[in-house]
Amino acid sequence: MNKCALYIPRPGDKYDAICSGYVDTLRHLGWKTYVCDPRTKFGCRELIEKHNITLIMTHSRYGVRQLPVDTINDNNVVVFVEVLPINSGDLSIDGPYEVSHQEEPRILSSIKSCVVHTSIEKHLWLSYMSGWCNSGFSLRHVPVAGNLLKATPPTCDTVTDVAMVANFSHRQNVMAKIVEPLFSRLTMLNHPYQAFGDEIWHFAGLQYNGPLANKDNILAHIYASANVCPNVHTEHQVTQQAYLNGRSFMIPLCGGTQVSDNPLAKKYLLSSCRVATSITDFISQVVDLASGESFNRQKIEDSVKHVAENHTYFNRLAVLFDAANLGGFSEETKNEGHRAAIKHCWTIGAMLSAKERGVKYEQTNV
């Protein structure tokens, strides 16, 4: 099977991290990977035939509409599709447009080798994903993950007390209920912070650093150089424990310390982050960690190791390859992910050791 893939991304900046995670990992594994929007079935067919595409990764709605089924089957292309809810009540977790089109099960069932997956937790499938389950699909649960290949900071030395990277245009109630009170409290207590995101920060009257440009290059440094990184979800994600966002995995993977508002974090991250039980508790825990007095090198190293070994896009791709009966690619992905995890953990450990000893970290080849 030729290692040539096409990734058709979801529209919108909030999906960039997922796209980067899968694409970076595929390229690391030697896949020639094209990231583009074919716009039409004809455009997608041209790409398949011109570049001998053997793997397509895409999503519900806009992505599925572009799949030329006959060409995919004629060329034995494997397709991975992240699907959205489909059910008789048109229920959704993230809004009215976050549902699959009704014809998607029919389209995808006609593809010879197609794996459908979702990050939504299984306890919600009966209510939200019944349209997929009742259509005979073997739905796979594949959560988001941390991008191991973009998780190494230049140093773990502390730059600020608190750091947060988040947009709130789609969840302004969370800004009003949690984030605004938290950062107002931090300001009152003279804790310096870095905040990156959309203009909702400004509308809330908070100082912020603006949008994060070239975030793949500096995100790891932001998380690793703060004493604590608060992480919030939408109300439905929290109350229904629907799924974790990518920051849940990326913060500890970079060597950061996290406080999460989502109880689901306990399932995946174990002791790798603190989980708040209320808004008051969330604010208290962030303030408690902001001073950096509770720095624990071993706990941070254990958190990095846990995520690096279990929750990166190497892990997620291996699951998808297994589901498509591509055992050889799955085994290669697991082995390469293991090697990358060892190197990453060694590097972060060296940085944390230098920080603990109060010396400058000097990069060496592993």
Protein backbone atom coordinates (compact mmCIF):
# COMPACT_ATOMS: atom_id res chain seq x y z
CA MET A 1 0.00 0.00 0.00
CA ASN A 2 1.42 3.32 -1.12
CA LYS A 3 2.04 5.80 1.71
CA CYS A 4 0.17 8.74 0.24
CA ALA A 5 -2.63 10.41 2.19
CA LEU A 6 -5.16 13.22 1.76
CA TYR A 7 -6.42 15.10 4.82
CA ILE A 8 -9.55 17.20 4.20
CA PRO A 9 -9.78 19.52 7.25
CA ARG A 10 -12.91 20.80 8.90
CA PRO A 11 -13.56 24.51 8.32
CA GLY A 12 -12.71 26.69 11.32
CA ASP A 13 -9.61 27.48 13.36
CA LYS A 14 -10.72 25.43 16.36
CA TYR A 15 -10.04 22.20 14.44
CA ASP A 16 -6.48 23.14 13.40
CA ALA A 17 -4.85 21.32 16.31
CA ILE A 18 -6.52 18.02 15.40
CA CYS A 19 -5.51 18.41 11.77
CA SER A 20 -1.90 19.22 12.74
CA GLY A 21 -1.78 16.28 15.14
CA TYR A 22 -2.75 13.70 12.54
CA VAL A 23 -0.84 15.27 9.65
CA ASP A 24 2.40 15.76 11.61
CA THR A 25 2.24 12.15 12.77
CA LEU A 26 1.54 10.75 9.29
CA ARG A 27 4.44 12.72 7.85
CA HIS A 28 6.74 11.56 10.64
CA LEU A 29 5.80 8.00 9.69
CA GLY A 30 6.83 8.62 6.10
CA TRP A 31 3.43 9.33 4.58
CA LYS A 32 3.35 11.95 1.83
CA THR A 33 0.34 13.86 3.12
CA TYR A 34 -1.66 16.48 1.26
CA VAL A 35 -3.81 18.89 3.30
CA CYS A 36 -6.34 20.67 1.15
CA ASP A 37 -9.99 21.32 0.38
CA PRO A 38 -10.88 19.69 -2.97
CA ARG A 39 -14.23 21.59 -2.84
CA THR A 40 -16.01 19.03 -5.04
CA LYS A 41 -16.12 15.29 -5.74
CA PHE A 42 -14.44 16.01 -9.05
CA GLY A 43 -11.59 17.85 -7.31
CA CYS A 44 -11.16 14.99 -4.87
CA ARG A 45 -11.16 12.44 -7.71
CA GLU A 46 -8.41 14.35 -9.48
CA LEU A 47 -6.25 14.35 -6.34
CA ILE A 48 -6.73 10.60 -5.83
CA GLU A 49 -5.78 9.77 -9.39
CA LYS A 50 -2.94 12.30 -9.74
CA HIS A 51 -1.17 11.48 -6.47
CA ASN A 52 -2.14 7.82 -6.07
CA ILE A 53 -3.87 8.55 -2.76
CA THR A 54 -4.42 5.42 -0.64
CA LEU A 55 -5.72 7.02 2.59
CA ILE A 56 -8.24 9.81 3.14
CA MET A 57 -8.98 11.37 6.51
CA THR A 58 -11.96 13.68 6.79
CA HIS A 59 -15.10 14.51 8.77
CA SER A 60 -18.89 14.72 8.70
CA ARG A 61 -20.83 17.24 6.63
CA TYR A 62 -18.47 19.18 4.36
CA GLY A 63 -15.85 16.43 4.16
CA VAL A 64 -18.23 13.56 3.36
CA ARG A 65 -19.87 15.57 0.57
CA GLN A 66 -16.55 15.63 -1.30
CA LEU A 67 -15.93 11.88 -1.36
CA PRO A 68 -16.14 10.31 -4.88
CA VAL A 69 -17.24 6.84 -3.79
CA ASP A 70 -16.69 5.05 -7.12
CA THR A 71 -13.15 6.41 -7.48
CA ILE A 72 -12.35 5.55 -3.86
CA ASN A 73 -13.52 1.95 -4.35
CA ASP A 74 -11.85 1.55 -7.76
CA ASN A 75 -8.51 2.64 -6.27
CA ASN A 76 -8.89 0.72 -2.98
CA VAL A 77 -8.61 3.90 -0.92
CA VAL A 78 -9.04 3.54 2.86
CA VAL A 79 -11.17 6.28 4.42
CA PHE A 80 -11.21 7.46 8.06
CA VAL A 81 -14.17 9.72 8.90
CA GLU A 82 -14.73 11.53 12.18
CA VAL A 83 -18.51 11.63 12.41
CA LEU A 84 -20.88 13.92 14.25
CA PRO A 85 -24.09 12.94 16.07
CA ILE A 86 -27.04 11.64 14.09
CA ASN A 87 -30.28 10.69 15.85
CA SER A 88 -34.04 10.97 15.55
CA GLY A 89 -34.20 14.02 17.80
CA ASP A 90 -31.44 16.01 16.05
CA LEU A 91 -29.63 16.21 19.39
CA SER A 92 -26.16 17.76 19.40
CA ILE A 93 -23.57 18.57 22.01
CA ASP A 94 -21.84 21.58 20.47
CA GLY A 95 -24.59 23.38 18.59
CA PRO A 96 -27.24 23.11 15.85
CA TYR A 97 -24.73 22.59 13.02
CA GLU A 98 -22.69 19.95 14.86
CA VAL A 99 -24.72 17.03 13.50
CA SER A 100 -24.19 14.70 10.55
CA HIS A 101 -26.33 14.96 7.44
CA GLN A 102 -28.97 12.24 7.23
CA GLU A 103 -27.53 10.74 4.03
CA GLU A 104 -24.04 10.21 5.46
CA PRO A 105 -24.59 6.60 6.68
CA ARG A 106 -25.79 5.64 3.18
CA ILE A 107 -22.76 7.29 1.52
CA LEU A 108 -20.17 5.85 3.87
CA SER A 109 -21.69 2.36 3.86
CA SER A 110 -21.01 2.21 0.12
CA ILE A 111 -17.25 2.66 0.63
CA LYS A 112 -15.43 -0.68 0.71
CA SER A 113 -12.92 0.28 3.43
CA CYS A 114 -14.26 2.98 5.72
CA VAL A 115 -13.70 3.51 9.45
CA VAL A 116 -16.10 5.87 11.23
CA HIS A 117 -15.03 7.25 14.59
CA THR A 118 -15.98 9.87 17.15
CA SER A 119 -14.49 11.55 20.21
CA ILE A 120 -17.87 11.50 21.97
CA GLU A 121 -17.88 9.18 24.98
CA LYS A 122 -19.68 5.85 24.63
CA HIS A 123 -22.23 6.49 27.39
CA LEU A 124 -23.81 9.10 25.08
CA TRP A 125 -23.98 6.98 21.94
CA LEU A 126 -27.53 5.70 22.55
CA SER A 127 -28.83 9.28 22.65
CA TYR A 128 -26.54 11.04 20.20
CA MET A 129 -24.99 8.47 17.85
CA SER A 130 -27.93 6.05 17.42
CA GLY A 131 -28.20 6.84 13.72
CA TRP A 132 -24.73 5.40 13.18
CA CYS A 133 -25.12 2.41 15.46
CA ASN A 134 -28.51 1.51 13.99
CA SER A 135 -27.11 1.68 10.46
CA GLY A 136 -24.78 -1.23 11.08
CA PHE A 137 -21.57 0.74 11.54
CA SER A 138 -18.90 -0.44 13.94
CA LEU A 139 -18.38 2.99 15.45
CA ARG A 140 -14.93 3.53 16.99
CA HIS A 141 -14.23 5.73 19.97
CA VAL A 142 -11.13 7.82 19.19
CA PRO A 143 -10.60 10.79 21.52
CA VAL A 144 -8.52 13.80 20.59
CA ALA A 145 -4.91 13.71 21.78
CA GLY A 146 -1.67 15.58 22.29
CA ASN A 147 0.64 16.32 19.38
CA LEU A 148 3.86 14.68 20.55
CA LEU A 149 5.82 16.18 17.67
CA LYS A 150 4.98 19.75 18.70
CA ALA A 151 5.13 19.30 22.48
CA THR A 152 8.79 20.00 23.23
CA PRO A 153 9.42 23.49 24.67
CA PRO A 154 12.83 25.20 24.47
CA THR A 155 12.92 25.25 28.27
CA CYS A 156 10.69 24.62 31.29
CA ASP A 157 11.91 27.70 33.18
CA THR A 158 9.06 29.71 34.67
CA VAL A 159 8.06 32.84 32.76
CA THR A 160 4.65 33.56 34.30
CA ASP A 161 2.37 32.33 37.07
CA VAL A 162 -0.63 31.43 34.89
CA ALA A 163 -1.07 30.78 31.17
CA MET A 164 -4.25 30.15 29.21
CA VAL A 165 -4.83 29.66 25.48
CA ALA A 166 -8.54 29.65 24.60
CA ASN A 167 -11.19 31.28 22.43
CA PHE A 168 -14.61 32.10 23.83
CA SER A 169 -16.77 33.38 20.97
CA HIS A 170 -18.66 30.05 21.03
CA ARG A 171 -18.90 29.84 24.84
CA GLN A 172 -19.18 33.35 26.23
CA ASN A 173 -21.10 32.04 29.23
CA VAL A 174 -17.97 30.17 30.32
CA MET A 175 -15.95 33.38 30.09
CA ALA A 176 -18.52 35.21 32.24
CA LYS A 177 -18.98 32.47 34.85
CA ILE A 178 -15.44 31.12 35.27
CA VAL A 179 -12.66 32.85 33.36
CA GLU A 180 -13.48 36.49 34.06
CA PRO A 181 -13.79 35.96 37.85
CA LEU A 182 -10.60 33.85 37.85
CA PHE A 183 -8.39 36.35 36.03
CA SER A 184 -9.87 39.28 37.93
CA ARG A 185 -8.85 37.48 41.11
CA LEU A 186 -5.36 36.79 39.76
CA THR A 187 -4.98 40.47 38.87
CA MET A 188 -6.09 41.51 42.36
CA LEU A 189 -3.51 39.14 43.89
CA ASN A 190 -0.76 40.48 41.57
CA HIS A 191 -0.20 37.18 39.79
CA PRO A 192 1.25 37.80 36.30
CA TYR A 193 -0.40 35.82 33.54
CA GLN A 194 -0.37 35.24 29.80
CA ALA A 195 -3.69 34.88 27.99
CA PHE A 196 -4.07 34.16 24.28
CA GLY A 197 -7.31 33.96 22.32
CA ASP A 198 -10.06 35.93 20.61
CA GLU A 199 -11.40 39.39 21.35
CA ILE A 200 -13.86 38.09 23.97
CA TRP A 201 -10.99 38.51 26.45
CA HIS A 202 -10.98 42.22 25.65
CA PHE A 203 -14.76 42.53 25.83
CA ALA A 204 -14.59 40.96 29.31
CA GLY A 205 -12.26 43.75 30.40
CA LEU A 206 -9.24 41.47 30.81
CA GLN A 207 -5.69 42.08 29.69
CA TYR A 208 -4.63 39.54 27.07
CA ASN A 209 -1.87 38.92 24.55
CA GLY A 210 -4.11 38.60 21.51
CA PRO A 211 -4.44 35.60 19.19
CA LEU A 212 -1.63 33.07 19.22
CA ALA A 213 0.30 33.37 15.96
CA ASN A 214 2.27 30.34 14.76
CA LYS A 215 0.87 28.46 17.73
CA ASP A 216 2.47 25.13 16.84
CA ASN A 217 5.89 26.67 17.47
CA ILE A 218 5.28 28.39 20.81
CA LEU A 219 2.34 26.60 22.43
CA ALA A 220 4.60 24.10 24.19
CA HIS A 221 6.69 26.91 25.66
CA ILE A 222 3.60 28.74 26.94
CA TYR A 223 2.33 25.66 28.78
CA ALA A 224 5.73 24.55 30.11
CA SER A 225 6.77 27.98 31.38
CA ALA A 226 3.70 28.70 33.56
CA ASN A 227 3.14 27.50 37.11
CA VAL A 228 -0.42 26.49 36.20
CA CYS A 229 -2.59 26.29 33.07
CA PRO A 230 -6.37 26.45 33.63
CA ASN A 231 -8.45 24.52 31.09
CA VAL A 232 -12.19 24.96 30.57
CA HIS A 233 -14.81 23.25 28.38
CA THR A 234 -18.34 24.14 27.29
CA GLU A 235 -21.13 23.54 29.79
CA HIS A 236 -22.48 20.53 27.85
CA GLN A 237 -19.03 18.97 27.59
CA VAL A 238 -18.71 19.21 31.37
CA THR A 239 -22.22 18.31 32.55
CA GLN A 240 -22.51 15.36 30.16
CA GLN A 241 -18.82 14.41 30.32
CA ALA A 242 -19.05 14.27 26.53
CA TYR A 243 -15.35 14.48 25.68
CA LEU A 244 -12.10 16.24 26.54
CA ASN A 245 -10.58 19.02 24.46
CA GLY A 246 -7.08 18.77 23.01
CA ARG A 247 -5.59 21.07 25.67
CA SER A 248 -6.39 18.42 28.26
CA PHE A 249 -3.64 16.26 26.75
CA MET A 250 -1.34 18.93 25.36
CA ILE A 251 -0.77 20.78 28.64
CA PRO A 252 0.69 17.82 30.57
CA LEU A 253 2.49 16.52 27.47
CA CYS A 254 4.42 19.81 27.29
CA GLY A 255 5.36 19.64 30.96
CA GLY A 256 2.63 21.97 32.16
CA THR A 257 0.43 21.72 35.26
CA GLN A 258 -3.30 21.72 34.58
CA VAL A 259 -6.51 22.49 36.44
CA SER A 260 -9.54 21.19 34.52
CA ASP A 261 -13.26 21.81 34.93
CA ASN A 262 -14.19 18.48 33.30
CA PRO A 263 -14.60 15.40 35.57
CA LEU A 264 -13.79 13.22 32.53
CA ALA A 265 -10.15 14.26 32.94
CA LYS A 266 -9.85 11.81 35.84
CA LYS A 267 -10.57 8.90 33.48
CA TYR A 268 -7.84 9.74 30.98
CA LEU A 269 -5.28 11.74 32.93
CA LEU A 270 -5.49 10.05 36.34
CA SER A 271 -3.33 12.19 38.63
CA SER A 272 -1.84 14.16 35.72
CA CYS A 273 -4.09 17.14 36.40
CA ARG A 274 -6.26 18.59 39.11
CA VAL A 275 -10.00 18.43 38.50
CA ALA A 276 -12.24 21.07 40.08
CA THR A 277 -15.66 20.20 41.49
CA SER A 278 -17.17 23.70 41.23
CA ILE A 279 -16.41 27.20 39.96
CA THR A 280 -15.21 28.23 43.41
CA ASP A 281 -12.99 25.18 43.63
CA PHE A 282 -11.62 25.82 40.14
CA ILE A 283 -10.58 29.37 41.04
CA SER A 284 -9.13 28.26 44.38
CA GLN A 285 -7.03 25.50 42.81
CA VAL A 286 -5.60 27.79 40.13
CA VAL A 287 -4.72 30.46 42.69
CA ASP A 288 -3.18 27.81 44.94
CA LEU A 289 -0.84 26.64 42.16
CA ALA A 290 -0.07 30.09 40.73
CA SER A 291 2.79 30.82 43.14
CA GLY A 292 4.76 27.77 41.99
CA GLU A 293 5.54 26.74 45.56
CA SER A 294 4.08 23.27 44.98
CA PHE A 295 6.42 22.47 42.05
CA ASN A 296 6.89 18.71 41.95
CA ARG A 297 9.35 17.52 39.33
CA GLN A 298 8.51 13.83 39.68
CA LYS A 299 4.78 14.38 39.33
CA ILE A 300 5.28 16.47 36.19
CA GLU A 301 7.58 13.82 34.69
CA ASP A 302 5.02 11.12 35.47
CA SER A 303 2.31 13.19 33.77
CA VAL A 304 4.42 13.73 30.67
CA LYS A 305 5.17 10.00 30.50
CA HIS A 306 1.52 8.98 30.95
CA VAL A 307 0.29 11.16 28.08
CA ALA A 308 3.29 10.46 25.82
CA GLU A 309 2.71 6.72 26.12
CA ASN A 310 -1.08 6.66 25.93
CA HIS A 311 -2.65 9.80 24.48
CA THR A 312 -0.86 11.08 21.40
CA TYR A 313 -1.83 10.97 17.74
CA PHE A 314 0.47 7.97 17.34
CA ASN A 315 -1.89 6.11 19.68
CA ARG A 316 -5.00 7.34 17.87
CA LEU A 317 -3.66 6.48 14.40
CA ALA A 318 -2.73 2.99 15.56
CA VAL A 319 -6.36 2.43 16.63
CA LEU A 320 -7.62 3.59 13.22
CA PHE A 321 -5.14 1.41 11.32
CA ASP A 322 -6.17 -1.59 13.42
CA ALA A 323 -9.84 -0.88 12.69
CA ALA A 324 -9.05 -0.86 8.96
CA ASN A 325 -7.21 -4.20 9.25
CA LEU A 326 -3.91 -2.51 8.46
CA GLY A 327 -1.94 -4.30 11.14
CA GLY A 328 1.44 -3.59 9.60
CA PHE A 329 0.89 0.16 9.64
CA SER A 330 -0.53 -0.06 13.15
CA GLU A 331 2.53 -1.87 14.45
CA GLU A 332 4.86 0.60 12.77
CA THR A 333 2.91 3.51 14.28
CA LYS A 334 3.04 2.01 17.77
CA ASN A 335 6.79 1.35 17.55
CA GLU A 336 7.63 4.79 16.18
CA GLY A 337 5.35 6.42 18.75
CA HIS A 338 7.13 4.53 21.51
CA ARG A 339 10.52 5.77 20.31
CA ALA A 340 9.27 9.34 20.03
CA ALA A 341 7.75 9.13 23.53
CA ILE A 342 11.03 7.96 25.07
CA LYS A 343 12.95 10.80 23.44
CA HIS A 344 10.34 13.37 24.51
CA CYS A 345 10.24 12.19 28.13
CA TRP A 346 14.04 12.21 28.35
CA THR A 347 14.17 15.78 27.00
CA ILE A 348 11.47 17.13 29.32
CA GLY A 349 13.13 15.35 32.25
CA ALA A 350 16.44 17.05 31.48
CA MET A 351 14.71 20.44 31.31
CA LEU A 352 12.94 19.91 34.62
CA SER A 353 16.19 18.77 36.24
CA ALA A 354 17.90 21.94 35.06
CA LYS A 355 15.01 24.03 36.40
CA GLU A 356 15.13 22.29 39.77
CA ARG A 357 18.88 22.86 40.05
CA GLY A 358 18.63 26.46 38.93
CA VAL A 359 20.91 26.03 35.91
CA LYS A 360 20.42 26.76 32.23
CA TYR A 361 19.20 23.84 30.13
CA GLU A 362 21.67 22.95 27.40
CA GLN A 363 20.19 20.91 24.56
CA THR A 364 22.04 17.74 23.62
CA ASN A 365 21.36 15.05 21.07
CA VAL A 366 19.52 12.00 22.38
